[in-house]
Each structure stands twice: as structure tokens, then as C-alpha cells.
Amino acid sequence: ILTATSGLSGTVLLALTKILQAQELPYFRLSCVGCIVMLFALLYWLVRVAKIPLPRPQLKWVILRGLFGVGETPAFLAVRAGAPVGDVTALTSTNIAVAALLGRLLLGERFTAVQGLALMCSLAGAVLVCRPSFIFPSDVEAVPLYAYLLALWAGFNRACIYLTVRKAPEVHSLWFTVTTVFLNSIAWWGLAQAEIVIDYTLDVFVDQPHVAAAWSIALGGWVYVGIAALSKGSQYFPACVTATVSTGTSMVSGYIMQAALFGTTPSPITAAGAGLMTVGMAASAFAARTPRAPVEGPAAGEEPGVSELASWAADEFTSGLGTEPLRRRPAAQGAA
């Protein structure tokens, strides 16, 4: 439920940015105001009420989760550039198969036929959804290719979120939420102020402050729900499970909202691409059922190396239905 909620929340926010853009209202500035209010409320509850500490050894993973959360912002830029909401949510599903492939390539491990099927379906589906002009030159409604590349990059960052949260199971999920909300607020306000994106000013609400307050609370609430649900769900399940449920929910709800709110139904080519990506997700989930020995980590007291982290990441995305964190080797015994 948590991971499905995170997928649905992300789709709602993508739809809202398109709606506000059409009405010439400031999405990023309103979101920042709502997020700042949520930030202070969360910090007060964590520090003064619940008094939940943030383990210092896990601080780096909390910060990384926030940075990768900012890395999902290109999905909103893709929608504002003209990419349909359903297409953007579909393209994020490629992170499942591609992350598994990269993990296997880094480690030289066996790449199964099912994983190969998942990769081919995901990549072929991405091509059909993007419809690049050099393959589909007659597509008169082609969206700029960079918009789809932004969506793919956002999907990669989503994959990194699954992993960083799993690396810090002792951290309360709301600390991940605090960091992500804080960094997103800085990034979104900076994008708007630097005019990197076209975001309207808050002056339009001078005579209607209650409307601005309502939008800010609504946007901040949805951001909080999505971030908190994703962080908590990622702590419970391996990345392959979280990615499949979250991305699948996001893809289905994305095309439903695309048709219901914007009157845009997927073309047969786009529908075929989304179908292939769904097959790719299903194949990735099926491959995850294959049992595999736990990943051997560093000795006690040592930090894991790059190869050990890569091996653990590959296991999370391809064959980890267990919930064991990176296992450490026993400390070396002294000479007799």
C-alpha cells in the first residue's frame, strides 16, 4: 500500500503541475511554501515531541536520499515541456531493468534470459513511447526528445532512492522526508527564481491569499505523502519489489489521468510501448523470485567498497525478495 501510494502521489503531482501551468499559476513557488510549512511541522514533531534521533553514521544515506529526490524534478520539467503524464510515468519504469543490467555488468555476473527479456522489453517500450523523429519522422505531434530524456533521468534517480533508503533501515522514515522536502524546496525555488523554468509569481494571489494558502497546503501535503510513503515502503521491501509496485501504479494512474483530465488517449504505438514496459516490469519481478546467496560485505568495522555496494544493489534489483541488509564478514582472527 505504501509503495502504491507513492506511485499514485507522484502521478497526481505531475498532473497538478500541468494544470497549474495551463492556468498560469506558479507550481514550484506554491509547492515551496507548502513544503516549508510541512518541514517545520515535521522537525518540531521529530525533535520536540517524539524526540527521535538521527543516527550520525547513517547521515550520508539520509542526505543522498534527499539529493536523489531532487533528481526526480526533471520528471516535472518533462511534463512542462509537453510530454504526456502517462508517457513520463511509463518511462520511469526502465530503471528496474537497466539498474539490474548495470549491476551485472559491473560485477561480471550471469545475466539470465528472463532479465534479458525484461531489458529488451523495457528499452523497446521506451523507444515506442518516446517516438524519436529519426525512427518516426511522420509523427507531427512529436514531443522534444530532451523531455523524454529528462523522464528517463528521473527514473534513474528513483532507482537510487530505493537503494539509499534500504541502506539505512535504522533511520526513522520521516528523517528521509525532512531532508528531501528541504532540498526540494531549495531546488524548486532556485529554478523558479533563476527562470530556468517558466513559473509564474505569487503576485497573482495578492487579492486571494486564501487560494494561495489552499494550493500550498494541497501541494505540500501531496509532496509529503509521496516522499514519506516511498521512504517507508522502501525500508520494508527490496528495491525490485518497491520499484515494480510503485512504478506500475504510477504508469496505470498516469494514463488514466492523461485521458480523464487532459482528454489525451495514448496512440496505438504508445500503448504498445507501455505494454512492453509492463512486460519488462513483470519479467523483472519474476526474475526476483530466483533465490540467491546473501551478498558478502566487508569485515566488521570496515566500510563497504564500490564492488560490494554494486553487488548488493544488483541483488536488490534482481533477486532479493528477502529483507537482509548488506551482510558483513566476521572480523579477521589474530594469528595463533
Protein backbone atom coordinates (compact mmCIF):
# COMPACT_ATOMS: atom_id res chain seq x y z
CA ILE A 1 0.00 0.00 0.00
CA LEU A 2 2.81 2.41 0.87
CA THR A 3 4.69 1.92 -2.37
CA ALA A 4 1.50 2.08 -4.43
CA THR A 5 0.57 5.31 -2.63
CA SER A 6 3.95 6.82 -3.51
CA GLY A 7 3.42 5.97 -7.18
CA LEU A 8 -0.08 7.49 -7.20
CA SER A 9 1.10 10.61 -5.37
CA GLY A 10 3.83 11.23 -7.93
CA THR A 11 1.32 10.98 -10.76
CA VAL A 12 -1.05 13.42 -9.04
CA LEU A 13 1.77 15.96 -8.68
CA LEU A 14 2.72 15.59 -12.35
CA ALA A 15 -0.90 16.23 -13.32
CA LEU A 16 -1.13 19.23 -10.99
CA THR A 17 1.96 20.88 -12.49
CA LYS A 18 0.36 20.62 -15.93
CA ILE A 19 -2.96 22.01 -14.66
CA LEU A 20 -1.33 24.95 -12.87
CA GLN A 21 0.83 25.70 -15.90
CA ALA A 22 -2.26 25.87 -18.11
CA GLN A 23 -3.91 28.28 -15.63
CA GLU A 24 -0.72 30.40 -15.43
CA LEU A 25 -0.29 29.70 -11.73
CA PRO A 26 3.08 29.12 -10.00
CA TYR A 27 3.54 25.40 -9.30
CA PHE A 28 7.09 25.45 -7.93
CA ARG A 29 6.67 28.51 -5.72
CA LEU A 30 3.39 27.26 -4.26
CA SER A 31 4.97 23.85 -3.63
CA CYS A 32 7.89 25.50 -1.84
CA VAL A 33 5.60 27.40 0.52
CA GLY A 34 3.66 24.24 1.34
CA CYS A 35 6.85 22.20 1.78
CA ILE A 36 8.38 24.76 4.15
CA VAL A 37 5.28 24.63 6.35
CA MET A 38 5.45 20.82 6.35
CA LEU A 39 9.18 20.96 7.08
CA PHE A 40 8.79 22.97 10.27
CA ALA A 41 5.91 20.77 11.43
CA LEU A 42 7.92 17.58 10.85
CA LEU A 43 11.03 18.94 12.56
CA TYR A 44 9.01 20.02 15.59
CA TRP A 45 7.41 16.59 15.88
CA LEU A 46 10.68 14.69 15.43
CA VAL A 47 12.82 16.83 17.76
CA ARG A 48 10.45 18.18 20.40
CA VAL A 49 7.54 15.72 20.56
CA ALA A 50 8.73 12.25 19.55
CA LYS A 51 12.43 13.04 20.25
CA ILE A 52 13.62 10.62 17.55
CA PRO A 53 17.38 10.99 16.98
CA LEU A 54 19.11 10.82 13.63
CA PRO A 55 21.95 8.25 13.79
CA ARG A 56 25.11 10.06 12.66
CA PRO A 57 26.61 7.00 10.87
CA GLN A 58 23.52 6.94 8.64
CA LEU A 59 23.57 10.67 7.86
CA LYS A 60 25.19 10.21 4.45
CA TRP A 61 22.36 7.93 3.28
CA VAL A 62 19.76 10.42 4.50
CA ILE A 63 21.45 13.22 2.54
CA LEU A 64 21.81 11.04 -0.55
CA ARG A 65 18.13 10.16 -0.41
CA GLY A 66 17.34 13.87 -0.42
CA LEU A 67 19.67 14.56 -3.35
CA PHE A 68 18.21 11.73 -5.41
CA GLY A 69 14.77 13.05 -4.52
CA VAL A 70 15.76 16.37 -6.10
CA GLY A 71 16.92 14.31 -9.08
CA GLU A 72 13.28 13.40 -9.74
CA THR A 73 12.48 17.04 -10.55
CA PRO A 74 13.27 16.51 -14.27
CA ALA A 75 10.05 14.49 -14.49
CA PHE A 76 8.10 17.69 -13.79
CA LEU A 77 10.22 19.57 -16.32
CA ALA A 78 9.42 16.87 -18.88
CA VAL A 79 5.68 17.37 -18.35
CA ARG A 80 6.05 21.14 -18.65
CA ALA A 81 7.99 20.61 -21.89
CA GLY A 82 4.97 18.86 -23.38
CA ALA A 83 5.46 15.19 -22.55
CA PRO A 84 2.16 13.49 -21.60
CA VAL A 85 1.83 12.48 -17.95
CA GLY A 86 1.31 8.82 -18.83
CA ASP A 87 4.42 8.71 -21.01
CA VAL A 88 6.58 10.25 -18.29
CA THR A 89 5.39 7.75 -15.69
CA ALA A 90 5.93 4.88 -18.14
CA LEU A 91 9.50 5.87 -18.94
CA THR A 92 10.48 5.78 -15.29
CA SER A 93 9.90 2.01 -15.31
CA THR A 94 13.09 1.45 -17.32
CA ASN A 95 15.09 1.96 -14.13
CA ILE A 96 14.23 -1.56 -12.97
CA ALA A 97 15.81 -3.48 -15.85
CA VAL A 98 18.61 -1.01 -16.59
CA ALA A 99 19.75 -0.91 -12.96
CA ALA A 100 19.86 -4.69 -12.90
CA LEU A 101 21.92 -4.76 -16.11
CA LEU A 102 24.42 -2.20 -14.82
CA GLY A 103 24.87 -4.16 -11.62
CA ARG A 104 25.57 -7.34 -13.57
CA LEU A 105 27.98 -5.60 -15.95
CA LEU A 106 29.94 -4.07 -13.09
CA LEU A 107 30.28 -7.45 -11.42
CA GLY A 108 30.56 -9.75 -14.43
CA GLU A 109 27.81 -11.95 -13.04
CA ARG A 110 25.45 -14.16 -15.02
CA PHE A 111 22.65 -12.34 -16.85
CA THR A 112 19.65 -14.66 -17.13
CA ALA A 113 17.30 -14.98 -20.09
CA VAL A 114 14.42 -13.53 -18.06
CA GLN A 115 16.49 -10.48 -17.16
CA GLY A 116 17.44 -10.11 -20.82
CA LEU A 117 13.75 -10.23 -21.77
CA ALA A 118 12.98 -7.56 -19.17
CA LEU A 119 15.72 -5.30 -20.52
CA MET A 120 14.70 -5.70 -24.17
CA CYS A 121 11.02 -5.09 -23.42
CA SER A 122 11.81 -2.01 -21.32
CA LEU A 123 14.11 -0.46 -23.91
CA ALA A 124 11.83 -1.30 -26.85
CA GLY A 125 8.87 0.11 -24.94
CA ALA A 126 10.82 3.29 -24.18
CA VAL A 127 11.55 3.78 -27.89
CA LEU A 128 7.87 3.36 -28.79
CA VAL A 129 6.78 5.78 -26.08
CA CYS A 130 9.39 8.41 -27.00
CA ARG A 131 8.87 8.01 -30.76
CA PRO A 132 12.17 9.70 -31.76
CA SER A 133 11.94 11.60 -35.03
CA PHE A 134 14.71 9.61 -36.72
CA ILE A 135 12.56 6.47 -36.34
CA PHE A 136 9.09 8.05 -36.65
CA PRO A 137 9.64 11.03 -38.99
CA SER A 138 5.94 11.37 -39.78
CA ASP A 139 4.90 11.93 -36.18
CA VAL A 140 3.62 15.53 -36.38
CA GLU A 141 2.87 15.72 -32.64
CA ALA A 142 6.34 14.68 -31.57
CA VAL A 143 7.42 15.90 -28.13
CA PRO A 144 11.00 17.23 -27.85
CA LEU A 145 13.36 14.32 -27.27
CA TYR A 146 15.01 16.07 -24.33
CA ALA A 147 11.71 15.89 -22.43
CA TYR A 148 11.76 12.10 -22.59
CA LEU A 149 15.44 12.05 -21.63
CA LEU A 150 14.54 14.09 -18.55
CA ALA A 151 11.91 11.48 -17.67
CA LEU A 152 14.47 8.67 -18.03
CA TRP A 153 16.91 10.54 -15.80
CA ALA A 154 14.20 10.99 -13.17
CA GLY A 155 13.59 7.23 -13.30
CA PHE A 156 17.27 6.55 -12.68
CA ASN A 157 17.20 8.78 -9.61
CA ARG A 158 14.11 6.94 -8.38
CA ALA A 159 16.09 3.69 -8.54
CA CYS A 160 18.83 5.28 -6.43
CA ILE A 161 16.24 6.32 -3.85
CA TYR A 162 15.17 2.70 -3.35
CA LEU A 163 18.76 1.72 -2.61
CA THR A 164 19.80 4.60 -0.33
CA VAL A 165 16.75 4.16 1.89
CA ARG A 166 17.39 0.41 2.12
CA LYS A 167 20.95 1.14 3.28
CA ALA A 168 19.68 2.90 6.42
CA PRO A 169 16.99 0.68 7.97
CA GLU A 170 17.62 2.12 11.45
CA VAL A 171 16.66 5.66 10.41
CA HIS A 172 13.10 6.80 11.01
CA SER A 173 11.47 7.34 7.62
CA LEU A 174 10.44 10.89 8.50
CA TRP A 175 14.10 11.95 8.60
CA PHE A 176 14.31 10.99 4.92
CA THR A 177 11.20 13.07 4.37
CA VAL A 178 12.65 16.10 6.15
CA THR A 179 15.86 16.05 4.11
CA THR A 180 14.07 15.53 0.80
CA VAL A 181 11.48 18.24 1.46
CA PHE A 182 14.23 20.69 2.48
CA LEU A 183 16.45 20.06 -0.55
CA ASN A 184 13.49 20.04 -2.93
CA SER A 185 12.35 23.41 -1.59
CA ILE A 186 15.75 24.93 -2.27
CA ALA A 187 15.96 23.40 -5.75
CA TRP A 188 12.41 24.36 -6.80
CA TRP A 189 12.67 27.94 -5.56
CA GLY A 190 16.07 28.27 -7.26
CA LEU A 191 14.68 27.00 -10.56
CA ALA A 192 11.84 29.50 -10.39
CA GLN A 193 13.95 32.49 -9.28
CA ALA A 194 16.65 31.82 -11.89
CA GLU A 195 13.91 31.49 -14.52
CA ILE A 196 15.33 28.15 -15.61
CA VAL A 197 11.69 27.08 -15.78
CA ILE A 198 8.70 29.28 -16.52
CA ASP A 199 6.96 29.60 -13.17
CA TYR A 200 4.53 32.42 -12.52
CA THR A 201 4.92 34.70 -9.50
CA LEU A 202 2.83 34.69 -6.36
CA ASP A 203 1.58 38.19 -7.18
CA VAL A 204 -1.47 36.66 -8.84
CA PHE A 205 -2.74 35.80 -5.34
CA VAL A 206 -2.45 39.30 -3.84
CA ASP A 207 -6.23 39.65 -3.73
CA GLN A 208 -6.82 35.97 -2.99
CA PRO A 209 -4.37 34.85 -0.28
CA HIS A 210 -6.73 32.10 0.82
CA VAL A 211 -6.48 30.50 -2.64
CA ALA A 212 -2.68 30.56 -2.44
CA ALA A 213 -2.82 29.03 1.04
CA ALA A 214 -5.16 26.26 -0.14
CA TRP A 215 -2.96 25.40 -3.11
CA SER A 216 0.20 25.47 -0.97
CA ILE A 217 -1.29 23.13 1.64
CA ALA A 218 -2.60 20.77 -1.05
CA LEU A 219 0.71 20.62 -2.93
CA GLY A 220 2.80 20.39 0.24
CA GLY A 221 0.56 17.62 1.53
CA TRP A 222 0.85 15.57 -1.65
CA VAL A 223 4.63 16.03 -1.67
CA TYR A 224 4.79 14.86 1.94
CA VAL A 225 2.58 11.83 1.30
CA GLY A 226 4.62 10.76 -1.72
CA ILE A 227 8.03 11.16 -0.09
CA ALA A 228 7.04 9.61 3.24
CA ALA A 229 5.27 6.64 1.64
CA LEU A 230 8.19 5.94 -0.70
CA SER A 231 10.76 6.14 2.10
CA LYS A 232 8.79 3.92 4.47
CA GLY A 233 7.89 1.39 1.78
CA SER A 234 11.49 1.20 0.55
CA GLN A 235 12.63 0.24 4.04
CA TYR A 236 10.23 -2.71 4.14
CA PHE A 237 10.92 -4.34 0.77
CA PRO A 238 13.86 -4.88 -1.61
CA ALA A 239 14.27 -2.40 -4.45
CA CYS A 240 12.91 -4.81 -7.08
CA VAL A 241 9.59 -5.15 -5.24
CA THR A 242 9.26 -1.45 -4.40
CA ALA A 243 10.14 -0.41 -7.96
CA THR A 244 7.66 -2.81 -9.54
CA VAL A 245 4.70 -1.80 -7.35
CA SER A 246 5.42 1.93 -7.29
CA THR A 247 6.21 2.26 -11.00
CA GLY A 248 3.33 0.03 -12.05
CA THR A 249 0.85 2.10 -10.04
CA SER A 250 2.33 5.30 -11.42
CA MET A 251 2.12 4.09 -15.02
CA VAL A 252 -1.51 2.94 -14.81
CA SER A 253 -2.71 6.04 -12.94
CA GLY A 254 -0.70 8.25 -15.30
CA TYR A 255 -2.51 7.07 -18.41
CA ILE A 256 -5.88 7.20 -16.62
CA MET A 257 -5.30 10.83 -15.57
CA GLN A 258 -3.94 11.67 -19.00
CA ALA A 259 -7.22 10.55 -20.56
CA ALA A 260 -9.58 11.79 -17.84
CA LEU A 261 -8.07 15.22 -17.13
CA PHE A 262 -6.44 16.21 -20.41
CA GLY A 263 -8.51 14.28 -22.94
CA THR A 264 -5.42 12.67 -24.45
CA THR A 265 -5.62 8.96 -25.11
CA PRO A 266 -2.43 7.03 -25.91
CA SER A 267 -1.82 6.28 -29.58
CA PRO A 268 -1.58 2.60 -30.61
CA ILE A 269 2.23 2.95 -30.76
CA THR A 270 2.36 4.48 -27.27
CA ALA A 271 0.01 1.82 -25.90
CA ALA A 272 2.22 -0.90 -27.38
CA GLY A 273 5.26 0.72 -25.79
CA ALA A 274 3.57 0.92 -22.39
CA GLY A 275 2.54 -2.73 -22.77
CA LEU A 276 6.13 -3.77 -23.48
CA MET A 277 7.34 -1.83 -20.44
CA THR A 278 4.72 -3.58 -18.33
CA VAL A 279 6.03 -6.93 -19.57
CA GLY A 280 9.52 -5.75 -18.67
CA MET A 281 8.42 -4.93 -15.12
CA ALA A 282 6.68 -8.27 -14.78
CA ALA A 283 9.77 -10.10 -16.04
CA SER A 284 11.95 -8.22 -13.56
CA ALA A 285 9.61 -9.20 -10.75
CA PHE A 286 9.66 -12.82 -11.90
CA ALA A 287 13.47 -12.81 -12.03
CA ALA A 288 13.48 -11.57 -8.45
CA ARG A 289 11.95 -14.88 -7.35
CA THR A 290 15.19 -16.69 -8.14
CA PRO A 291 16.95 -17.42 -4.83
CA ARG A 292 20.47 -16.17 -4.43
CA ALA A 293 23.06 -16.32 -1.67
CA PRO A 294 23.35 -13.20 0.50
CA VAL A 295 25.89 -10.65 -0.65
CA GLU A 296 29.10 -10.81 1.33
CA GLY A 297 30.04 -7.44 2.74
CA PRO A 298 33.22 -6.09 4.31
CA ALA A 299 34.69 -7.21 7.60
CA ALA A 300 33.23 -5.83 10.80
CA GLY A 301 34.33 -2.24 11.34
CA GLU A 302 35.11 -1.66 7.66
CA GLU A 303 33.20 0.44 5.14
CA PRO A 304 31.83 -1.43 2.12
CA GLY A 305 33.74 -0.93 -1.13
CA VAL A 306 32.33 0.03 -4.51
CA SER A 307 32.17 -3.57 -5.77
CA GLU A 308 30.40 -4.73 -2.61
CA LEU A 309 27.84 -1.94 -2.85
CA ALA A 310 27.34 -2.70 -6.55
CA SER A 311 26.80 -6.37 -5.77
CA TRP A 312 24.28 -5.55 -3.07
CA ALA A 313 22.50 -3.12 -5.41
CA ALA A 314 22.31 -5.74 -8.16
CA ASP A 315 20.91 -8.23 -5.68
CA GLU A 316 18.28 -5.71 -4.57
CA PHE A 317 17.07 -5.16 -8.12
CA THR A 318 17.22 -8.70 -9.44
CA SER A 319 16.92 -11.42 -6.86
CA GLY A 320 16.29 -10.00 -3.42
CA LEU A 321 12.93 -10.94 -2.01
CA GLY A 322 14.48 -11.14 1.44
CA THR A 323 14.97 -8.08 3.57
CA GLU A 324 18.53 -8.64 4.73
CA PRO A 325 20.85 -5.62 4.57
CA LEU A 326 24.41 -5.87 3.29
CA ARG A 327 25.97 -8.67 5.35
CA ARG A 328 29.36 -8.17 6.97
CA ARG A 329 32.11 -10.74 7.19
CA PRO A 330 33.36 -11.71 10.63
CA ALA A 331 36.38 -9.75 11.75
CA ALA A 332 39.69 -11.42 10.96
CA GLN A 333 41.08 -13.52 13.80
CA GLY A 334 44.55 -12.84 15.09
CA ALA A 335 47.38 -15.30 14.40
CA ALA A 336 47.60 -18.19 16.79
